[in-house]
Amino acid sequence: MKLVLASNNPGKLAELQAMFAPLGVELIPQGSLGIPESPEPFHTFIENALAKARHAAGQSGLPAVADDAGLCVDAFGGLPGVQTAFYATQFGFPKGDDNNVRALLEQMQGIDNRRAALVSTLVALRSPDDPEPLVAVGRVVGEIAREPMGSNGFGFDPVMFIPEFGKTFAQLPVEIKNANSHRGRAAKAMVALMRERWL
């Protein structure tokens, strides 16, 4: 089965391809089909993921899967949330993972409550008008480290310290990170849903 991934993020594509492999699903990034990015005007992960999946399914004529993910910091009332990818731009930095990490560490100077969650919401649709989208959520709670550590992963992985491992996500081997990450947990749940309902 071919499934359009409503993202052009190479990190997401690599992670999700590995996780969907047991289903025999081929993930095709929307950019390779000439599909532009979808607007993401909403304030929740579920609404944005649904909008992205509908857009990709409508433009491609294929089933689609979309992920909306972000960092929810307790001390900031759950923000940056859906604005995670653009976090650095609020503070005058260009968009990018390294700048997001830098901006976050600057904003958290002097803050002792460092609890945060990485959240991934995956939505899969058979068509743009699918009345029963498959929805899977993965969530990992950790703490924001005081400095980046590790070189595996992307996004906030170098500062997302996971107490059960005693390391940041970026310090973990890729296969352990993928199995335990927010996206890994969401993908595992999505694979089970697809097996049950689509295959």
N, C-alpha and C. Protein backbone atom coordinates (compact mmCIF):
# COMPACT_ATOMS: atom_id res chain seq x y z
N MET A 1 0.85 -1.19 0.00
CA MET A 1 0.00 0.00 0.00
C MET A 1 0.89 1.24 0.00
N LYS A 2 0.51 2.21 -0.83
CA LYS A 2 1.23 3.48 -0.86
C LYS A 2 0.49 4.48 0.01
N LEU A 3 1.24 5.23 0.76
CA LEU A 3 0.68 6.20 1.69
C LEU A 3 1.49 7.48 1.53
N VAL A 4 0.80 8.61 1.33
CA VAL A 4 1.50 9.88 1.21
C VAL A 4 1.76 10.42 2.61
N LEU A 5 3.01 10.80 2.85
CA LEU A 5 3.36 11.44 4.12
C LEU A 5 3.24 12.94 3.92
N ALA A 6 2.36 13.57 4.70
CA ALA A 6 2.13 15.01 4.58
C ALA A 6 3.23 15.78 5.31
N SER A 7 4.46 15.56 4.83
CA SER A 7 5.62 16.25 5.40
C SER A 7 6.77 16.11 4.43
N ASN A 8 7.70 17.06 4.48
CA ASN A 8 8.93 16.93 3.71
C ASN A 8 10.13 16.86 4.65
N ASN A 9 9.86 16.66 5.93
CA ASN A 9 10.92 16.60 6.94
C ASN A 9 11.65 15.26 6.82
N PRO A 10 12.95 15.27 6.45
CA PRO A 10 13.66 14.00 6.25
C PRO A 10 13.77 13.18 7.53
N GLY A 11 13.84 13.84 8.69
CA GLY A 11 13.91 13.12 9.96
C GLY A 11 12.63 12.35 10.22
N LYS A 12 11.50 13.01 10.00
CA LYS A 12 10.19 12.35 10.19
C LYS A 12 10.04 11.19 9.21
N LEU A 13 10.41 11.43 7.95
CA LEU A 13 10.27 10.39 6.93
C LEU A 13 11.07 9.15 7.32
N ALA A 14 12.33 9.34 7.71
CA ALA A 14 13.18 8.20 8.07
C ALA A 14 12.60 7.44 9.26
N GLU A 15 12.18 8.19 10.30
CA GLU A 15 11.61 7.54 11.49
C GLU A 15 10.36 6.75 11.14
N LEU A 16 9.45 7.40 10.41
CA LEU A 16 8.16 6.76 10.13
C LEU A 16 8.31 5.60 9.14
N GLN A 17 9.21 5.73 8.15
CA GLN A 17 9.42 4.63 7.20
C GLN A 17 9.85 3.36 7.94
N ALA A 18 10.76 3.52 8.89
CA ALA A 18 11.23 2.37 9.66
C ALA A 18 10.08 1.76 10.46
N MET A 19 9.22 2.60 11.01
CA MET A 19 8.14 2.11 11.87
C MET A 19 6.99 1.49 11.09
N PHE A 20 6.76 1.97 9.85
CA PHE A 20 5.67 1.42 9.04
C PHE A 20 6.12 0.22 8.20
N ALA A 21 7.42 -0.03 8.15
CA ALA A 21 7.96 -1.13 7.33
C ALA A 21 7.28 -2.48 7.59
N PRO A 22 6.99 -2.85 8.86
CA PRO A 22 6.36 -4.17 9.09
C PRO A 22 5.00 -4.33 8.40
N LEU A 23 4.34 -3.21 8.05
CA LEU A 23 3.04 -3.30 7.38
C LEU A 23 3.18 -3.47 5.87
N GLY A 24 4.40 -3.30 5.37
CA GLY A 24 4.58 -3.32 3.92
C GLY A 24 4.05 -2.06 3.26
N VAL A 25 3.99 -0.97 4.04
CA VAL A 25 3.48 0.31 3.54
C VAL A 25 4.66 1.11 2.99
N GLU A 26 4.48 1.68 1.79
CA GLU A 26 5.50 2.55 1.22
C GLU A 26 5.09 4.00 1.48
N LEU A 27 5.92 4.72 2.23
CA LEU A 27 5.64 6.13 2.52
C LEU A 27 6.27 6.99 1.44
N ILE A 28 5.47 7.87 0.85
CA ILE A 28 5.94 8.76 -0.20
C ILE A 28 5.83 10.19 0.32
N PRO A 29 6.94 10.93 0.43
CA PRO A 29 6.82 12.31 0.90
C PRO A 29 6.05 13.16 -0.10
N GLN A 30 5.18 14.02 0.40
CA GLN A 30 4.32 14.80 -0.49
C GLN A 30 5.11 15.66 -1.48
N GLY A 31 6.27 16.13 -1.07
CA GLY A 31 7.08 16.98 -1.96
C GLY A 31 7.49 16.27 -3.23
N SER A 32 7.70 14.95 -3.15
CA SER A 32 8.11 14.20 -4.34
C SER A 32 6.96 14.09 -5.34
N LEU A 33 5.74 14.41 -4.90
CA LEU A 33 4.58 14.42 -5.80
C LEU A 33 4.19 15.84 -6.19
N GLY A 34 5.02 16.80 -5.78
CA GLY A 34 4.74 18.21 -6.11
C GLY A 34 3.63 18.82 -5.27
N ILE A 35 3.34 18.21 -4.12
CA ILE A 35 2.27 18.73 -3.26
C ILE A 35 2.88 19.75 -2.30
N PRO A 36 2.35 20.98 -2.31
CA PRO A 36 2.89 21.99 -1.39
C PRO A 36 2.45 21.72 0.05
N GLU A 37 3.15 22.35 0.98
CA GLU A 37 2.80 22.23 2.40
C GLU A 37 1.39 22.76 2.62
N SER A 38 0.68 22.15 3.54
CA SER A 38 -0.67 22.59 3.90
C SER A 38 -0.58 23.70 4.94
N PRO A 39 -1.53 24.66 4.91
CA PRO A 39 -1.60 25.60 6.03
C PRO A 39 -1.87 24.84 7.34
N GLU A 40 -1.36 25.37 8.43
CA GLU A 40 -1.59 24.78 9.76
C GLU A 40 -2.10 25.89 10.68
N PRO A 41 -3.36 26.28 10.50
CA PRO A 41 -3.85 27.46 11.23
C PRO A 41 -4.37 27.18 12.64
N PHE A 42 -4.37 25.92 13.04
CA PHE A 42 -5.07 25.56 14.28
C PHE A 42 -4.15 25.58 15.50
N HIS A 43 -4.75 25.49 16.67
CA HIS A 43 -4.00 25.58 17.93
C HIS A 43 -3.81 24.22 18.59
N THR A 44 -4.31 23.14 17.94
CA THR A 44 -4.14 21.81 18.51
C THR A 44 -3.46 20.89 17.49
N PHE A 45 -2.72 19.93 18.01
CA PHE A 45 -2.02 18.97 17.15
C PHE A 45 -3.01 18.19 16.28
N ILE A 46 -4.12 17.76 16.87
CA ILE A 46 -5.09 16.93 16.13
C ILE A 46 -5.66 17.68 14.93
N GLU A 47 -6.03 18.96 15.13
CA GLU A 47 -6.63 19.72 14.02
C GLU A 47 -5.62 19.94 12.90
N ASN A 48 -4.38 20.26 13.26
CA ASN A 48 -3.37 20.49 12.23
C ASN A 48 -3.01 19.20 11.50
N ALA A 49 -2.90 18.10 12.22
CA ALA A 49 -2.58 16.81 11.58
C ALA A 49 -3.69 16.42 10.60
N LEU A 50 -4.93 16.62 11.02
CA LEU A 50 -6.08 16.30 10.16
C LEU A 50 -6.08 17.17 8.91
N ALA A 51 -5.80 18.47 9.07
CA ALA A 51 -5.75 19.38 7.92
C ALA A 51 -4.65 18.95 6.94
N LYS A 52 -3.48 18.58 7.47
CA LYS A 52 -2.36 18.17 6.61
C LYS A 52 -2.67 16.87 5.88
N ALA A 53 -3.28 15.91 6.59
CA ALA A 53 -3.61 14.62 5.97
C ALA A 53 -4.68 14.81 4.88
N ARG A 54 -5.70 15.62 5.15
CA ARG A 54 -6.75 15.88 4.15
C ARG A 54 -6.16 16.53 2.91
N HIS A 55 -5.28 17.49 3.12
CA HIS A 55 -4.64 18.21 2.01
C HIS A 55 -3.85 17.22 1.14
N ALA A 56 -3.02 16.38 1.78
CA ALA A 56 -2.18 15.44 1.02
C ALA A 56 -3.02 14.40 0.30
N ALA A 57 -4.07 13.90 0.97
CA ALA A 57 -4.94 12.91 0.33
C ALA A 57 -5.69 13.53 -0.85
N GLY A 58 -6.17 14.74 -0.67
CA GLY A 58 -6.91 15.43 -1.73
C GLY A 58 -6.05 15.73 -2.95
N GLN A 59 -4.80 16.13 -2.71
CA GLN A 59 -3.90 16.49 -3.82
C GLN A 59 -3.35 15.26 -4.53
N SER A 60 -3.23 14.13 -3.79
CA SER A 60 -2.57 12.96 -4.38
C SER A 60 -3.53 11.88 -4.85
N GLY A 61 -4.75 11.85 -4.29
CA GLY A 61 -5.67 10.76 -4.59
C GLY A 61 -5.29 9.46 -3.90
N LEU A 62 -4.36 9.52 -2.98
CA LEU A 62 -3.89 8.34 -2.24
C LEU A 62 -4.24 8.48 -0.76
N PRO A 63 -4.25 7.38 -0.01
CA PRO A 63 -4.37 7.52 1.44
C PRO A 63 -3.19 8.35 1.95
N ALA A 64 -3.39 9.03 3.07
CA ALA A 64 -2.34 9.91 3.58
C ALA A 64 -2.20 9.76 5.09
N VAL A 65 -1.00 10.04 5.54
CA VAL A 65 -0.73 10.09 6.98
C VAL A 65 -0.01 11.41 7.27
N ALA A 66 -0.40 12.03 8.38
CA ALA A 66 0.24 13.29 8.79
C ALA A 66 0.53 13.23 10.27
N ASP A 67 1.59 13.92 10.62
CA ASP A 67 1.99 13.99 12.02
C ASP A 67 2.07 15.46 12.39
N ASP A 68 1.52 15.83 13.51
CA ASP A 68 1.78 17.15 14.05
C ASP A 68 2.34 16.91 15.44
N ALA A 69 3.49 17.47 15.67
CA ALA A 69 4.20 17.18 16.91
C ALA A 69 4.81 18.45 17.46
N GLY A 70 5.09 18.40 18.74
CA GLY A 70 5.73 19.56 19.33
C GLY A 70 6.11 19.32 20.76
N LEU A 71 6.70 20.35 21.31
CA LEU A 71 7.17 20.35 22.68
C LEU A 71 6.20 21.16 23.53
N CYS A 72 5.75 20.58 24.64
CA CYS A 72 4.84 21.26 25.56
C CYS A 72 5.56 21.41 26.90
N VAL A 73 5.92 22.64 27.22
CA VAL A 73 6.71 22.94 28.42
C VAL A 73 5.77 23.38 29.55
N ASP A 74 5.82 22.67 30.66
CA ASP A 74 4.93 22.97 31.79
C ASP A 74 5.04 24.43 32.23
N ALA A 75 6.28 24.93 32.36
CA ALA A 75 6.49 26.29 32.86
C ALA A 75 5.91 27.36 31.93
N PHE A 76 5.66 26.99 30.67
CA PHE A 76 5.09 27.92 29.68
C PHE A 76 3.63 27.61 29.39
N GLY A 77 2.96 26.89 30.28
CA GLY A 77 1.55 26.57 30.08
C GLY A 77 1.29 25.67 28.89
N GLY A 78 2.27 24.82 28.55
CA GLY A 78 2.10 23.90 27.43
C GLY A 78 2.67 24.42 26.12
N LEU A 79 3.09 25.64 26.07
CA LEU A 79 3.70 26.18 24.85
C LEU A 79 5.15 25.70 24.77
N PRO A 80 5.77 25.68 23.58
CA PRO A 80 5.31 26.22 22.31
C PRO A 80 4.27 25.38 21.57
N GLY A 81 4.05 24.12 21.94
CA GLY A 81 2.98 23.34 21.33
C GLY A 81 3.06 23.29 19.83
N VAL A 82 1.95 23.68 19.16
CA VAL A 82 1.90 23.57 17.69
C VAL A 82 2.86 24.55 17.00
N GLN A 83 3.37 25.53 17.73
CA GLN A 83 4.30 26.50 17.15
C GLN A 83 5.76 26.08 17.33
N THR A 84 6.00 24.84 17.75
CA THR A 84 7.34 24.39 18.07
C THR A 84 8.35 24.63 16.94
N ALA A 85 7.98 24.32 15.71
CA ALA A 85 8.93 24.45 14.59
C ALA A 85 9.38 25.90 14.38
N PHE A 86 8.53 26.85 14.79
CA PHE A 86 8.82 28.27 14.58
C PHE A 86 9.23 28.97 15.88
N TYR A 87 9.52 28.18 16.92
CA TYR A 87 9.76 28.74 18.24
C TYR A 87 10.83 29.84 18.22
N ALA A 88 11.95 29.58 17.58
CA ALA A 88 13.08 30.52 17.58
C ALA A 88 12.72 31.86 16.94
N THR A 89 11.80 31.85 15.98
CA THR A 89 11.50 33.08 15.23
C THR A 89 10.85 34.14 16.13
N GLN A 90 10.20 33.71 17.23
CA GLN A 90 9.60 34.68 18.16
C GLN A 90 10.65 35.52 18.86
N PHE A 91 11.89 34.99 18.88
CA PHE A 91 12.95 35.65 19.64
C PHE A 91 14.05 36.19 18.73
N GLY A 92 13.69 36.37 17.44
CA GLY A 92 14.60 37.03 16.50
C GLY A 92 15.62 36.11 15.84
N PHE A 93 15.49 34.79 16.04
CA PHE A 93 16.41 33.85 15.40
C PHE A 93 15.77 33.31 14.11
N PRO A 94 16.57 32.91 13.12
CA PRO A 94 16.00 32.22 11.96
C PRO A 94 15.42 30.87 12.38
N LYS A 95 14.44 30.38 11.60
CA LYS A 95 13.83 29.08 11.87
C LYS A 95 14.89 27.99 11.76
N GLY A 96 14.87 27.03 12.68
CA GLY A 96 15.81 25.92 12.61
C GLY A 96 15.95 25.24 13.95
N ASP A 97 16.30 23.95 13.91
CA ASP A 97 16.40 23.14 15.13
C ASP A 97 17.39 23.73 16.13
N ASP A 98 18.61 24.07 15.66
CA ASP A 98 19.63 24.57 16.59
C ASP A 98 19.18 25.87 17.24
N ASN A 99 18.55 26.74 16.45
CA ASN A 99 18.07 28.01 17.01
C ASN A 99 16.90 27.80 17.97
N ASN A 100 16.05 26.81 17.68
CA ASN A 100 14.96 26.50 18.61
C ASN A 100 15.51 26.08 19.97
N VAL A 101 16.52 25.23 19.95
CA VAL A 101 17.14 24.77 21.19
C VAL A 101 17.76 25.95 21.93
N ARG A 102 18.47 26.78 21.19
CA ARG A 102 19.14 27.95 21.79
C ARG A 102 18.11 28.88 22.44
N ALA A 103 17.03 29.17 21.70
CA ALA A 103 15.98 30.07 22.22
C ALA A 103 15.33 29.47 23.47
N LEU A 104 15.06 28.16 23.44
CA LEU A 104 14.43 27.51 24.58
C LEU A 104 15.33 27.61 25.82
N LEU A 105 16.61 27.31 25.66
CA LEU A 105 17.53 27.36 26.80
C LEU A 105 17.64 28.79 27.34
N GLU A 106 17.63 29.77 26.46
CA GLU A 106 17.65 31.17 26.92
C GLU A 106 16.39 31.51 27.71
N GLN A 107 15.23 31.08 27.20
CA GLN A 107 13.96 31.40 27.86
C GLN A 107 13.81 30.67 29.19
N MET A 108 14.51 29.54 29.34
CA MET A 108 14.37 28.75 30.56
C MET A 108 15.45 29.04 31.60
N GLN A 109 16.33 29.99 31.30
CA GLN A 109 17.35 30.36 32.29
C GLN A 109 16.64 30.78 33.58
N GLY A 110 17.10 30.24 34.70
CA GLY A 110 16.52 30.63 35.98
C GLY A 110 15.20 29.96 36.31
N ILE A 111 14.71 29.07 35.43
CA ILE A 111 13.45 28.35 35.69
C ILE A 111 13.79 26.96 36.22
N ASP A 112 13.27 26.64 37.41
CA ASP A 112 13.57 25.34 38.02
C ASP A 112 12.63 24.23 37.54
N ASN A 113 11.37 24.59 37.24
CA ASN A 113 10.43 23.57 36.73
C ASN A 113 10.76 23.32 35.26
N ARG A 114 11.47 22.22 35.00
CA ARG A 114 11.94 21.94 33.64
C ARG A 114 11.16 20.80 33.00
N ARG A 115 10.02 20.43 33.61
CA ARG A 115 9.22 19.32 33.09
C ARG A 115 8.61 19.70 31.74
N ALA A 116 8.66 18.78 30.80
CA ALA A 116 8.12 19.03 29.46
C ALA A 116 7.72 17.70 28.84
N ALA A 117 6.87 17.77 27.83
CA ALA A 117 6.46 16.57 27.10
C ALA A 117 6.64 16.81 25.61
N LEU A 118 7.14 15.80 24.93
CA LEU A 118 7.12 15.78 23.47
C LEU A 118 5.87 15.00 23.09
N VAL A 119 5.07 15.60 22.21
CA VAL A 119 3.78 15.02 21.83
C VAL A 119 3.74 14.86 20.32
N SER A 120 3.26 13.71 19.86
CA SER A 120 3.07 13.46 18.43
C SER A 120 1.65 12.95 18.21
N THR A 121 0.94 13.60 17.32
CA THR A 121 -0.39 13.15 16.93
C THR A 121 -0.34 12.75 15.46
N LEU A 122 -0.61 11.48 15.21
CA LEU A 122 -0.63 10.95 13.83
C LEU A 122 -2.08 10.75 13.40
N VAL A 123 -2.37 11.17 12.18
CA VAL A 123 -3.70 10.98 11.60
C VAL A 123 -3.52 10.30 10.25
N ALA A 124 -4.31 9.27 9.99
CA ALA A 124 -4.29 8.60 8.69
C ALA A 124 -5.70 8.59 8.11
N LEU A 125 -5.77 8.85 6.80
CA LEU A 125 -7.05 8.91 6.09
C LEU A 125 -6.97 8.06 4.83
N ARG A 126 -8.08 7.40 4.49
CA ARG A 126 -8.14 6.66 3.23
C ARG A 126 -8.42 7.60 2.06
N SER A 127 -9.09 8.72 2.36
CA SER A 127 -9.42 9.74 1.35
C SER A 127 -9.61 11.05 2.09
N PRO A 128 -9.68 12.19 1.37
CA PRO A 128 -9.83 13.47 2.08
C PRO A 128 -11.13 13.56 2.88
N ASP A 129 -12.15 12.79 2.47
CA ASP A 129 -13.45 12.84 3.14
C ASP A 129 -13.69 11.65 4.06
N ASP A 130 -12.63 10.91 4.38
CA ASP A 130 -12.76 9.73 5.25
C ASP A 130 -13.48 10.13 6.54
N PRO A 131 -14.66 9.53 6.82
CA PRO A 131 -15.40 9.91 8.02
C PRO A 131 -14.82 9.32 9.29
N GLU A 132 -13.88 8.37 9.13
CA GLU A 132 -13.30 7.72 10.31
C GLU A 132 -11.77 7.75 10.23
N PRO A 133 -11.20 8.95 10.46
CA PRO A 133 -9.74 9.01 10.44
C PRO A 133 -9.16 8.18 11.57
N LEU A 134 -8.02 7.59 11.32
CA LEU A 134 -7.32 6.89 12.38
C LEU A 134 -6.47 7.92 13.12
N VAL A 135 -6.53 7.91 14.45
CA VAL A 135 -5.80 8.90 15.25
C VAL A 135 -5.00 8.16 16.31
N ALA A 136 -3.71 8.47 16.39
CA ALA A 136 -2.84 7.86 17.40
C ALA A 136 -1.98 8.96 18.02
N VAL A 137 -1.90 8.94 19.33
CA VAL A 137 -1.12 9.96 20.04
C VAL A 137 -0.01 9.29 20.83
N GLY A 138 1.18 9.86 20.74
CA GLY A 138 2.31 9.41 21.55
C GLY A 138 2.82 10.57 22.37
N ARG A 139 3.20 10.28 23.61
CA ARG A 139 3.63 11.36 24.51
C ARG A 139 4.77 10.84 25.37
N VAL A 140 5.81 11.64 25.50
CA VAL A 140 6.93 11.28 26.36
C VAL A 140 7.21 12.46 27.28
N VAL A 141 7.24 12.19 28.58
CA VAL A 141 7.51 13.25 29.55
C VAL A 141 8.96 13.17 29.98
N GLY A 142 9.61 14.32 30.05
CA GLY A 142 11.00 14.41 30.49
C GLY A 142 11.26 15.77 31.09
N GLU A 143 12.51 16.16 31.03
CA GLU A 143 12.91 17.47 31.55
C GLU A 143 13.83 18.13 30.54
N ILE A 144 13.76 19.46 30.49
CA ILE A 144 14.65 20.19 29.59
C ILE A 144 16.02 20.29 30.25
N ALA A 145 17.02 19.70 29.59
CA ALA A 145 18.40 19.74 30.10
C ALA A 145 18.91 21.18 30.06
N ARG A 146 19.96 21.45 30.80
CA ARG A 146 20.51 22.82 30.86
C ARG A 146 21.44 23.11 29.69
N GLU A 147 21.84 22.05 28.96
CA GLU A 147 22.65 22.24 27.75
C GLU A 147 22.44 21.05 26.83
N PRO A 148 22.64 21.24 25.51
CA PRO A 148 22.45 20.13 24.57
C PRO A 148 23.46 19.01 24.82
N MET A 149 22.97 17.76 24.69
CA MET A 149 23.84 16.59 24.84
C MET A 149 23.44 15.55 23.81
N GLY A 150 24.44 15.01 23.09
CA GLY A 150 24.17 13.94 22.12
C GLY A 150 24.04 14.47 20.71
N SER A 151 24.22 13.55 19.75
CA SER A 151 24.19 13.96 18.34
C SER A 151 23.20 13.16 17.50
N ASN A 152 22.45 12.23 18.10
CA ASN A 152 21.42 11.50 17.36
C ASN A 152 20.12 12.29 17.41
N GLY A 153 19.30 12.15 16.40
CA GLY A 153 17.98 12.78 16.43
C GLY A 153 17.99 14.18 15.86
N PHE A 154 16.88 14.87 16.07
CA PHE A 154 16.69 16.22 15.53
C PHE A 154 15.73 16.96 16.44
N GLY A 155 15.42 18.19 16.09
CA GLY A 155 14.49 18.98 16.91
C GLY A 155 15.06 19.22 18.30
N PHE A 156 14.24 18.96 19.33
CA PHE A 156 14.64 19.20 20.71
C PHE A 156 15.29 17.97 21.35
N ASP A 157 15.60 16.94 20.56
CA ASP A 157 16.18 15.71 21.11
C ASP A 157 17.42 15.97 21.99
N PRO A 158 18.32 16.92 21.61
CA PRO A 158 19.53 17.11 22.43
C PRO A 158 19.27 17.69 23.83
N VAL A 159 18.10 18.29 24.05
CA VAL A 159 17.81 18.86 25.38
C VAL A 159 16.64 18.16 26.07
N MET A 160 16.07 17.13 25.43
CA MET A 160 14.96 16.39 26.06
C MET A 160 15.56 15.24 26.87
N PHE A 161 15.74 15.48 28.16
CA PHE A 161 16.32 14.49 29.07
C PHE A 161 15.23 13.55 29.55
N ILE A 162 15.45 12.25 29.37
CA ILE A 162 14.46 11.23 29.74
C ILE A 162 14.95 10.51 30.99
N PRO A 163 14.34 10.78 32.15
CA PRO A 163 14.83 10.22 33.41
C PRO A 163 14.98 8.69 33.40
N GLU A 164 14.05 7.97 32.74
CA GLU A 164 14.14 6.50 32.78
C GLU A 164 15.40 5.97 32.10
N PHE A 165 15.97 6.75 31.17
CA PHE A 165 17.21 6.35 30.51
C PHE A 165 18.43 7.07 31.08
N GLY A 166 18.18 8.17 31.80
CA GLY A 166 19.29 8.97 32.32
C GLY A 166 20.07 9.67 31.23
N LYS A 167 19.40 9.89 30.08
CA LYS A 167 20.06 10.51 28.91
C LYS A 167 19.05 11.36 28.16
N THR A 168 19.57 12.23 27.27
CA THR A 168 18.67 12.93 26.35
C THR A 168 18.34 11.97 25.20
N PHE A 169 17.29 12.30 24.46
CA PHE A 169 16.95 11.48 23.29
C PHE A 169 18.12 11.43 22.30
N ALA A 170 18.86 12.54 22.18
CA ALA A 170 19.96 12.58 21.22
C ALA A 170 21.16 11.74 21.64
N GLN A 171 21.18 11.29 22.92
CA GLN A 171 22.26 10.42 23.39
C GLN A 171 21.94 8.94 23.23
N LEU A 172 20.69 8.64 22.92
CA LEU A 172 20.28 7.24 22.81
C LEU A 172 20.57 6.69 21.42
N PRO A 173 20.87 5.38 21.30
CA PRO A 173 20.96 4.76 19.97
C PRO A 173 19.62 4.95 19.23
N VAL A 174 19.70 5.13 17.93
CA VAL A 174 18.50 5.45 17.14
C VAL A 174 17.37 4.45 17.36
N GLU A 175 17.69 3.14 17.41
CA GLU A 175 16.61 2.15 17.54
C GLU A 175 15.91 2.26 18.91
N ILE A 176 16.64 2.61 19.95
CA ILE A 176 16.02 2.78 21.28
C ILE A 176 15.20 4.07 21.30
N LYS A 177 15.76 5.12 20.71
CA LYS A 177 15.02 6.39 20.65
C LYS A 177 13.71 6.20 19.87
N ASN A 178 13.79 5.59 18.70
CA ASN A 178 12.59 5.41 17.87
C ASN A 178 11.52 4.59 18.58
N ALA A 179 11.94 3.59 19.33
CA ALA A 179 10.97 2.74 20.03
C ALA A 179 10.30 3.46 21.19
N ASN A 180 10.96 4.47 21.74
CA ASN A 180 10.45 5.13 22.94
C ASN A 180 10.08 6.59 22.77
N SER A 181 10.27 7.13 21.57
CA SER A 181 9.97 8.55 21.35
C SER A 181 8.46 8.76 21.24
N HIS A 182 8.06 10.02 21.30
CA HIS A 182 6.65 10.38 21.11
C HIS A 182 6.16 9.89 19.75
N ARG A 183 6.98 10.09 18.71
CA ARG A 183 6.58 9.65 17.37
C ARG A 183 6.58 8.13 17.29
N GLY A 184 7.55 7.50 17.96
CA GLY A 184 7.61 6.03 17.99
C GLY A 184 6.38 5.43 18.63
N ARG A 185 5.94 6.03 19.74
CA ARG A 185 4.75 5.54 20.43
C ARG A 185 3.50 5.76 19.59
N ALA A 186 3.41 6.93 18.95
CA ALA A 186 2.25 7.20 18.09
C ALA A 186 2.24 6.25 16.89
N ALA A 187 3.42 6.02 16.29
CA ALA A 187 3.50 5.15 15.11
C ALA A 187 3.14 3.71 15.46
N LYS A 188 3.59 3.25 16.64
CA LYS A 188 3.26 1.89 17.08
C LYS A 188 1.74 1.73 17.20
N ALA A 189 1.10 2.74 17.81
CA ALA A 189 -0.36 2.71 17.95
C ALA A 189 -1.04 2.79 16.58
N MET A 190 -0.47 3.60 15.67
CA MET A 190 -1.06 3.75 14.33
C MET A 190 -0.93 2.45 13.54
N VAL A 191 0.21 1.79 13.63
CA VAL A 191 0.41 0.51 12.93
C VAL A 191 -0.65 -0.50 13.40
N ALA A 192 -0.90 -0.53 14.72
CA ALA A 192 -1.92 -1.44 15.25
C ALA A 192 -3.30 -1.08 14.73
N LEU A 193 -3.61 0.21 14.66
CA LEU A 193 -4.92 0.65 14.13
C LEU A 193 -5.07 0.28 12.66
N MET A 194 -4.02 0.50 11.87
CA MET A 194 -4.08 0.17 10.43
C MET A 194 -4.28 -1.32 10.22
N ARG A 195 -3.56 -2.13 11.01
CA ARG A 195 -3.72 -3.59 10.91
C ARG A 195 -5.17 -3.98 11.19
N GLU A 196 -5.73 -3.38 12.23
CA GLU A 196 -7.08 -3.74 12.67
C GLU A 196 -8.15 -3.26 11.71
N ARG A 197 -7.98 -2.05 11.16
CA ARG A 197 -9.08 -1.44 10.41
C ARG A 197 -8.89 -1.36 8.91
N TRP A 198 -7.67 -1.35 8.44
CA TRP A 198 -7.45 -1.13 7.00
C TRP A 198 -6.94 -2.36 6.27
N LEU A 199 -6.24 -3.25 6.95
CA LEU A 199 -5.55 -4.32 6.21
C LEU A 199 -6.28 -5.66 6.33
